Amino acid sequence: LLGSMNLDPRSALLNTEFGVRVRSFELTQALLFAY
């Protein structure tokens, strides 16, 4: 899950946010490697 949302009360209650949910082992592995 990626996008603009922080895990804090402002993102949950005050700001509007956009996100994309992806199901992909390949993408997950790329991120584990990159970070």
All heavy atoms as atom14 arrays in JSON, in Angstrom:
{
  "sequence": "LLGSMNLDPRSALLNTEFGVRVRSFELTQALLFAY",
  "atom14_mask": [
    [1, 1, 1, 1, 1, 1, 1, 1, 0, 0, 0, 0, 0, 0],
    [1, 1, 1, 1, 1, 1, 1, 1, 0, 0, 0, 0, 0, 0],
    [1, 1, 1, 1, 0, 0, 0, 0, 0, 0, 0, 0, 0, 0],
    [1, 1, 1, 1, 1, 1, 0, 0, 0, 0, 0, 0, 0, 0],
    [1, 1, 1, 1, 1, 1, 1, 1, 0, 0, 0, 0, 0, 0],
    [1, 1, 1, 1, 1, 1, 1, 1, 0, 0, 0, 0, 0, 0],
    [1, 1, 1, 1, 1, 1, 1, 1, 0, 0, 0, 0, 0, 0],
    [1, 1, 1, 1, 1, 1, 1, 1, 0, 0, 0, 0, 0, 0],
    [1, 1, 1, 1, 1, 1, 1, 0, 0, 0, 0, 0, 0, 0],
    [1, 1, 1, 1, 1, 1, 1, 1, 1, 1, 1, 0, 0, 0],
    [1, 1, 1, 1, 1, 1, 0, 0, 0, 0, 0, 0, 0, 0],
    [1, 1, 1, 1, 1, 0, 0, 0, 0, 0, 0, 0, 0, 0],
    [1, 1, 1, 1, 1, 1, 1, 1, 0, 0, 0, 0, 0, 0],
    [1, 1, 1, 1, 1, 1, 1, 1, 0, 0, 0, 0, 0, 0],
    [1, 1, 1, 1, 1, 1, 1, 1, 0, 0, 0, 0, 0, 0],
    [1, 1, 1, 1, 1, 1, 1, 0, 0, 0, 0, 0, 0, 0],
    [1, 1, 1, 1, 1, 1, 1, 1, 1, 0, 0, 0, 0, 0],
    [1, 1, 1, 1, 1, 1, 1, 1, 1, 1, 1, 0, 0, 0],
    [1, 1, 1, 1, 0, 0, 0, 0, 0, 0, 0, 0, 0, 0],
    [1, 1, 1, 1, 1, 1, 1, 0, 0, 0, 0, 0, 0, 0],
    [1, 1, 1, 1, 1, 1, 1, 1, 1, 1, 1, 0, 0, 0],
    [1, 1, 1, 1, 1, 1, 1, 0, 0, 0, 0, 0, 0, 0],
    [1, 1, 1, 1, 1, 1, 1, 1, 1, 1, 1, 0, 0, 0],
    [1, 1, 1, 1, 1, 1, 0, 0, 0, 0, 0, 0, 0, 0],
    [1, 1, 1, 1, 1, 1, 1, 1, 1, 1, 1, 0, 0, 0],
    [1, 1, 1, 1, 1, 1, 1, 1, 1, 0, 0, 0, 0, 0],
    [1, 1, 1, 1, 1, 1, 1, 1, 0, 0, 0, 0, 0, 0],
    [1, 1, 1, 1, 1, 1, 1, 0, 0, 0, 0, 0, 0, 0],
    [1, 1, 1, 1, 1, 1, 1, 1, 1, 0, 0, 0, 0, 0],
    [1, 1, 1, 1, 1, 0, 0, 0, 0, 0, 0, 0, 0, 0],
    [1, 1, 1, 1, 1, 1, 1, 1, 0, 0, 0, 0, 0, 0],
    [1, 1, 1, 1, 1, 1, 1, 1, 0, 0, 0, 0, 0, 0],
    [1, 1, 1, 1, 1, 1, 1, 1, 1, 1, 1, 0, 0, 0],
    [1, 1, 1, 1, 1, 0, 0, 0, 0, 0, 0, 0, 0, 0],
    [1, 1, 1, 1, 1, 1, 1, 1, 1, 1, 1, 1, 0, 0]
  ],
  "atom14_positions": [
    [[0.86, -1.18, 0.0], [0.0, 0.0, 0.0], [0.9, 1.23, 0.0], [1.79, 1.36, 0.86], [-0.9, 0.02, 1.22], [-1.9, 1.19, 1.26], [-2.95, 1.04, 0.16], [-2.61, 1.27, 2.62], [0.0, 0.0, 0.0], [0.0, 0.0, 0.0], [0.0, 0.0, 0.0], [0.0, 0.0, 0.0], [0.0, 0.0, 0.0], [0.0, 0.0, 0.0]],
    [[0.7, 2.11, -0.96], [1.52, 3.31, -1.07], [0.63, 4.5, -1.35], [-0.54, 4.35, -1.75], [2.54, 3.17, -2.2], [1.93, 3.12, -3.61], [2.69, 3.99, -4.57], [1.88, 1.68, -4.11], [0.0, 0.0, 0.0], [0.0, 0.0, 0.0], [0.0, 0.0, 0.0], [0.0, 0.0, 0.0], [0.0, 0.0, 0.0], [0.0, 0.0, 0.0]],
    [[1.16, 5.68, -1.16], [0.39, 6.88, -1.47], [0.83, 8.05, -0.65], [2.02, 8.22, -0.35], [0.0, 0.0, 0.0], [0.0, 0.0, 0.0], [0.0, 0.0, 0.0], [0.0, 0.0, 0.0], [0.0, 0.0, 0.0], [0.0, 0.0, 0.0], [0.0, 0.0, 0.0], [0.0, 0.0, 0.0], [0.0, 0.0, 0.0], [0.0, 0.0, 0.0]],
    [[-0.14, 8.87, -0.24], [0.17, 10.12, 0.44], [-0.09, 10.06, 1.93], [0.22, 11.01, 2.66], [-0.68, 11.25, -0.17], [-2.06, 11.05, 0.09], [0.0, 0.0, 0.0], [0.0, 0.0, 0.0], [0.0, 0.0, 0.0], [0.0, 0.0, 0.0], [0.0, 0.0, 0.0], [0.0, 0.0, 0.0], [0.0, 0.0, 0.0], [0.0, 0.0, 0.0]],
    [[-0.66, 8.98, 2.45], [-1.15, 8.93, 3.82], [-0.07, 8.61, 4.82], [0.61, 7.59, 4.74], [-2.27, 7.9, 3.95], [-2.99, 7.95, 5.29], [-4.19, 6.62, 5.46], [-3.1, 5.23, 5.77], [0.0, 0.0, 0.0], [0.0, 0.0, 0.0], [0.0, 0.0, 0.0], [0.0, 0.0, 0.0], [0.0, 0.0, 0.0], [0.0, 0.0, 0.0]],
    [[0.1, 9.5, 5.82], [0.94, 9.2, 6.98], [0.1, 8.44, 8.01], [-1.13, 8.5, 8.0], [1.47, 10.49, 7.6], [2.37, 11.26, 6.66], [3.37, 10.73, 6.18], [2.02, 12.5, 6.39], [0.0, 0.0, 0.0], [0.0, 0.0, 0.0], [0.0, 0.0, 0.0], [0.0, 0.0, 0.0], [0.0, 0.0, 0.0], [0.0, 0.0, 0.0]],
    [[0.77, 7.77, 8.91], [0.05, 7.04, 9.96], [0.0, 7.91, 11.21], [0.69, 7.67, 12.2], [0.74, 5.71, 10.22], [0.68, 4.74, 9.04], [1.35, 3.43, 9.38], [-0.76, 4.49, 8.61], [0.0, 0.0, 0.0], [0.0, 0.0, 0.0], [0.0, 0.0, 0.0], [0.0, 0.0, 0.0], [0.0, 0.0, 0.0], [0.0, 0.0, 0.0]],
    [[-0.83, 8.95, 11.11], [-1.01, 9.87, 12.23], [-2.44, 10.4, 12.2], [-3.16, 10.24, 11.21], [0.02, 11.0, 12.18], [-0.14, 11.91, 10.96], [-1.01, 11.64, 10.11], [0.61, 12.89, 10.87], [0.0, 0.0, 0.0], [0.0, 0.0, 0.0], [0.0, 0.0, 0.0], [0.0, 0.0, 0.0], [0.0, 0.0, 0.0], [0.0, 0.0, 0.0]],
    [[-2.89, 11.05, 13.27], [-4.28, 11.54, 13.33], [-4.62, 12.55, 12.24], [-5.76, 12.6, 11.78], [-4.37, 12.16, 14.73], [-3.34, 11.44, 15.53], [-2.21, 11.19, 14.57], [0.0, 0.0, 0.0], [0.0, 0.0, 0.0], [0.0, 0.0, 0.0], [0.0, 0.0, 0.0], [0.0, 0.0, 0.0], [0.0, 0.0, 0.0], [0.0, 0.0, 0.0]],
    [[-3.65, 13.37, 11.82], [-3.97, 14.37, 10.79], [-4.38, 13.69, 9.49], [-5.36, 14.08, 8.86], [-2.76, 15.3, 10.56], [-2.89, 16.17, 9.32], [-2.0, 17.38, 9.34], [-2.51, 18.38, 10.23], [-3.47, 19.25, 9.93], [-4.05, 19.19, 8.74], [-3.88, 20.13, 10.79], [0.0, 0.0, 0.0], [0.0, 0.0, 0.0], [0.0, 0.0, 0.0]],
    [[-3.64, 12.7, 9.06], [-4.01, 11.99, 7.83], [-5.34, 11.27, 7.99], [-6.16, 11.22, 7.06], [-2.92, 10.99, 7.44], [-1.84, 11.64, 6.81], [0.0, 0.0, 0.0], [0.0, 0.0, 0.0], [0.0, 0.0, 0.0], [0.0, 0.0, 0.0], [0.0, 0.0, 0.0], [0.0, 0.0, 0.0], [0.0, 0.0, 0.0], [0.0, 0.0, 0.0]],
    [[-5.58, 10.72, 9.17], [-6.81, 9.95, 9.38], [-8.04, 10.83, 9.47], [-9.11, 10.47, 8.97], [-6.67, 9.1, 10.64], [0.0, 0.0, 0.0], [0.0, 0.0, 0.0], [0.0, 0.0, 0.0], [0.0, 0.0, 0.0], [0.0, 0.0, 0.0], [0.0, 0.0, 0.0], [0.0, 0.0, 0.0], [0.0, 0.0, 0.0], [0.0, 0.0, 0.0]],
    [[-7.91, 12.01, 10.1], [-9.09, 12.78, 10.45], [-9.25, 14.09, 9.7], [-10.37, 14.59, 9.54], [-9.08, 13.08, 11.96], [-9.01, 11.86, 12.88], [-8.85, 12.31, 14.32], [-10.23, 10.99, 12.71], [0.0, 0.0, 0.0], [0.0, 0.0, 0.0], [0.0, 0.0, 0.0], [0.0, 0.0, 0.0], [0.0, 0.0, 0.0], [0.0, 0.0, 0.0]],
    [[-8.14, 14.7, 9.25], [-8.21, 16.07, 8.74], [-7.87, 16.19, 7.26], [-8.59, 16.82, 6.49], [-7.28, 16.98, 9.56], [-7.64, 17.11, 11.04], [-6.54, 17.86, 11.78], [-8.97, 17.8, 11.23], [0.0, 0.0, 0.0], [0.0, 0.0, 0.0], [0.0, 0.0, 0.0], [0.0, 0.0, 0.0], [0.0, 0.0, 0.0], [0.0, 0.0, 0.0]],
    [[-6.75, 15.61, 6.85], [-6.33, 15.72, 5.45], [-7.09, 14.73, 4.57], [-7.5, 13.66, 5.03], [-4.84, 15.43, 5.31], [-3.98, 16.52, 5.91], [-4.45, 17.62, 6.19], [-2.71, 16.21, 6.11], [0.0, 0.0, 0.0], [0.0, 0.0, 0.0], [0.0, 0.0, 0.0], [0.0, 0.0, 0.0], [0.0, 0.0, 0.0], [0.0, 0.0, 0.0]],
    [[-7.22, 15.07, 3.29], [-7.62, 14.05, 2.32], [-6.36, 13.37, 1.8], [-5.3, 13.98, 1.71], [-8.4, 14.66, 1.14], [-7.53, 15.47, 0.36], [-9.57, 15.48, 1.63], [0.0, 0.0, 0.0], [0.0, 0.0, 0.0], [0.0, 0.0, 0.0], [0.0, 0.0, 0.0], [0.0, 0.0, 0.0], [0.0, 0.0, 0.0], [0.0, 0.0, 0.0]],
    [[-6.49, 12.09, 1.47], [-5.34, 11.29, 1.06], [-5.7, 10.41, -0.14], [-6.87, 10.09, -0.37], [-4.86, 10.4, 2.21], [-4.57, 11.12, 3.52], [-3.3, 11.95, 3.51], [-2.59, 11.94, 2.47], [-3.0, 12.6, 4.52], [0.0, 0.0, 0.0], [0.0, 0.0, 0.0], [0.0, 0.0, 0.0], [0.0, 0.0, 0.0], [0.0, 0.0, 0.0]],
    [[-4.66, 10.01, -0.87], [-4.8, 9.14, -2.04], [-3.85, 7.96, -1.87], [-2.71, 8.11, -1.41], [-4.45, 9.91, -3.32], [-4.46, 9.05, -4.57], [-5.63, 8.86, -5.28], [-3.3, 8.43, -5.02], [-5.65, 8.07, -6.43], [-3.3, 7.64, -6.16], [-4.49, 7.46, -6.86], [0.0, 0.0, 0.0], [0.0, 0.0, 0.0], [0.0, 0.0, 0.0]],
    [[-4.3, 6.76, -2.27], [-3.44, 5.59, -2.15], [-3.7, 4.57, -3.23], [-4.75, 4.56, -3.89], [0.0, 0.0, 0.0], [0.0, 0.0, 0.0], [0.0, 0.0, 0.0], [0.0, 0.0, 0.0], [0.0, 0.0, 0.0], [0.0, 0.0, 0.0], [0.0, 0.0, 0.0], [0.0, 0.0, 0.0], [0.0, 0.0, 0.0], [0.0, 0.0, 0.0]],
    [[-2.73, 3.69, -3.43], [-2.83, 2.58, -4.38], [-2.46, 1.29, -3.65], [-1.44, 1.23, -2.96], [-1.9, 2.77, -5.59], [-1.96, 1.56, -6.51], [-2.28, 4.05, -6.36], [0.0, 0.0, 0.0], [0.0, 0.0, 0.0], [0.0, 0.0, 0.0], [0.0, 0.0, 0.0], [0.0, 0.0, 0.0], [0.0, 0.0, 0.0], [0.0, 0.0, 0.0]],
    [[-3.32, 0.28, -3.79], [-3.06, -1.03, -3.2], [-2.66, -1.99, -4.31], [-3.34, -2.1, -5.33], [-4.32, -1.53, -2.49], [-4.13, -2.84, -1.74], [-5.42, -3.31, -1.08], [-6.39, -3.79, -2.07], [-7.51, -3.17, -2.38], [-7.81, -2.01, -1.82], [-8.35, -3.68, -3.27], [0.0, 0.0, 0.0], [0.0, 0.0, 0.0], [0.0, 0.0, 0.0]],
    [[-1.55, -2.68, -4.11], [-1.0, -3.58, -5.14], [-0.76, -4.96, -4.53], [-0.23, -5.06, -3.42], [0.33, -3.03, -5.71], [0.89, -3.98, -6.75], [0.14, -1.63, -6.28], [0.0, 0.0, 0.0], [0.0, 0.0, 0.0], [0.0, 0.0, 0.0], [0.0, 0.0, 0.0], [0.0, 0.0, 0.0], [0.0, 0.0, 0.0], [0.0, 0.0, 0.0]],
    [[-1.15, -5.98, -5.26], [-0.82, -7.35, -4.84], [0.26, -7.88, -5.76], [0.01, -8.22, -6.91], [-2.06, -8.24, -4.92], [-1.8, -9.65, -4.41], [-3.07, -10.47, -4.36], [-2.84, -11.76, -3.71], [-3.81, -12.63, -3.44], [-5.07, -12.35, -3.78], [-3.53, -13.78, -2.83], [0.0, 0.0, 0.0], [0.0, 0.0, 0.0], [0.0, 0.0, 0.0]],
    [[1.5, -7.94, -5.24], [2.62, -8.35, -6.09], [3.81, -8.77, -5.23], [4.42, -7.94, -4.55], [3.04, -7.2, -7.02], [4.24, -7.51, -7.69], [0.0, 0.0, 0.0], [0.0, 0.0, 0.0], [0.0, 0.0, 0.0], [0.0, 0.0, 0.0], [0.0, 0.0, 0.0], [0.0, 0.0, 0.0], [0.0, 0.0, 0.0], [0.0, 0.0, 0.0]],
    [[4.15, -10.04, -5.29], [5.36, -10.51, -4.62], [6.58, -9.87, -5.25], [7.54, -9.51, -4.56], [5.43, -12.04, -4.72], [6.68, -12.63, -4.15], [6.84, -12.78, -2.78], [7.73, -13.03, -4.98], [8.01, -13.32, -2.25], [8.9, -13.57, -4.47], [9.04, -13.72, -3.09], [0.0, 0.0, 0.0], [0.0, 0.0, 0.0], [0.0, 0.0, 0.0]],
    [[6.56, -9.7, -6.57], [7.72, -9.12, -7.27], [7.98, -7.69, -6.82], [9.12, -7.3, -6.58], [7.48, -9.16, -8.79], [8.67, -8.69, -9.61], [8.43, -8.76, -11.1], [7.35, -9.22, -11.51], [9.33, -8.35, -11.86], [0.0, 0.0, 0.0], [0.0, 0.0, 0.0], [0.0, 0.0, 0.0], [0.0, 0.0, 0.0], [0.0, 0.0, 0.0]],
    [[6.92, -6.89, -6.69], [7.1, -5.51, -6.23], [7.6, -5.48, -4.8], [8.49, -4.7, -4.45], [5.79, -4.74, -6.35], [5.8, -3.29, -5.84], [6.81, -2.45, -6.6], [4.42, -2.67, -5.93], [0.0, 0.0, 0.0], [0.0, 0.0, 0.0], [0.0, 0.0, 0.0], [0.0, 0.0, 0.0], [0.0, 0.0, 0.0], [0.0, 0.0, 0.0]],
    [[7.04, -6.33, -3.97], [7.48, -6.39, -2.58], [8.96, -6.72, -2.49], [9.72, -6.1, -1.72], [6.66, -7.44, -1.8], [5.28, -7.15, -1.92], [7.04, -7.43, -0.34], [0.0, 0.0, 0.0], [0.0, 0.0, 0.0], [0.0, 0.0, 0.0], [0.0, 0.0, 0.0], [0.0, 0.0, 0.0], [0.0, 0.0, 0.0], [0.0, 0.0, 0.0]],
    [[9.41, -7.69, -3.27], [10.82, -8.07, -3.25], [11.71, -6.92, -3.72], [12.79, -6.69, -3.18], [11.05, -9.31, -4.12], [10.45, -10.57, -3.56], [10.99, -10.89, -2.17], [10.27, -10.82, -1.18], [12.25, -11.24, -2.1], [0.0, 0.0, 0.0], [0.0, 0.0, 0.0], [0.0, 0.0, 0.0], [0.0, 0.0, 0.0], [0.0, 0.0, 0.0]],
    [[11.25, -6.18, -4.74], [12.02, -5.03, -5.22], [12.17, -3.97, -4.13], [13.25, -3.38, -3.97], [11.34, -4.42, -6.45], [0.0, 0.0, 0.0], [0.0, 0.0, 0.0], [0.0, 0.0, 0.0], [0.0, 0.0, 0.0], [0.0, 0.0, 0.0], [0.0, 0.0, 0.0], [0.0, 0.0, 0.0], [0.0, 0.0, 0.0], [0.0, 0.0, 0.0]],
    [[11.12, -3.76, -3.35], [11.18, -2.77, -2.28], [12.04, -3.25, -1.13], [12.79, -2.47, -0.53], [9.76, -2.44, -1.81], [8.87, -1.76, -2.83], [7.46, -1.56, -2.29], [9.45, -0.42, -3.25], [0.0, 0.0, 0.0], [0.0, 0.0, 0.0], [0.0, 0.0, 0.0], [0.0, 0.0, 0.0], [0.0, 0.0, 0.0], [0.0, 0.0, 0.0]],
    [[11.95, -4.51, -0.79], [12.81, -5.06, 0.25], [14.27, -4.9, -0.12], [15.12, -4.58, 0.73], [12.48, -6.53, 0.48], [11.13, -6.84, 1.13], [10.83, -8.33, 1.06], [11.11, -6.36, 2.58], [0.0, 0.0, 0.0], [0.0, 0.0, 0.0], [0.0, 0.0, 0.0], [0.0, 0.0, 0.0], [0.0, 0.0, 0.0], [0.0, 0.0, 0.0]],
    [[14.59, -5.1, -1.4], [15.97, -4.93, -1.86], [16.37, -3.45, -1.86], [17.45, -3.09, -1.35], [16.11, -5.5, -3.27], [17.38, -5.08, -3.97], [18.6, -5.67, -3.63], [17.37, -4.1, -4.95], [19.78, -5.28, -4.26], [18.54, -3.7, -5.58], [19.74, -4.3, -5.23], [0.0, 0.0, 0.0], [0.0, 0.0, 0.0], [0.0, 0.0, 0.0]],
    [[15.53, -2.6, -2.41], [15.89, -1.2, -2.57], [16.09, -0.5, -1.23], [17.0, 0.31, -1.07], [14.82, -0.47, -3.38], [0.0, 0.0, 0.0], [0.0, 0.0, 0.0], [0.0, 0.0, 0.0], [0.0, 0.0, 0.0], [0.0, 0.0, 0.0], [0.0, 0.0, 0.0], [0.0, 0.0, 0.0], [0.0, 0.0, 0.0], [0.0, 0.0, 0.0]],
    [[15.23, -0.79, -0.28], [15.31, -0.12, 1.03], [16.02, -0.97, 2.08], [16.03, -0.62, 3.26], [13.9, 0.23, 1.51], [13.26, 1.31, 0.67], [12.22, 1.01, -0.21], [13.69, 2.63, 0.73], [11.63, 1.98, -0.99], [13.11, 3.62, -0.05], [12.08, 3.29, -0.91], [11.51, 4.26, -1.68], [0.0, 0.0, 0.0], [0.0, 0.0, 0.0]]
  ]
}
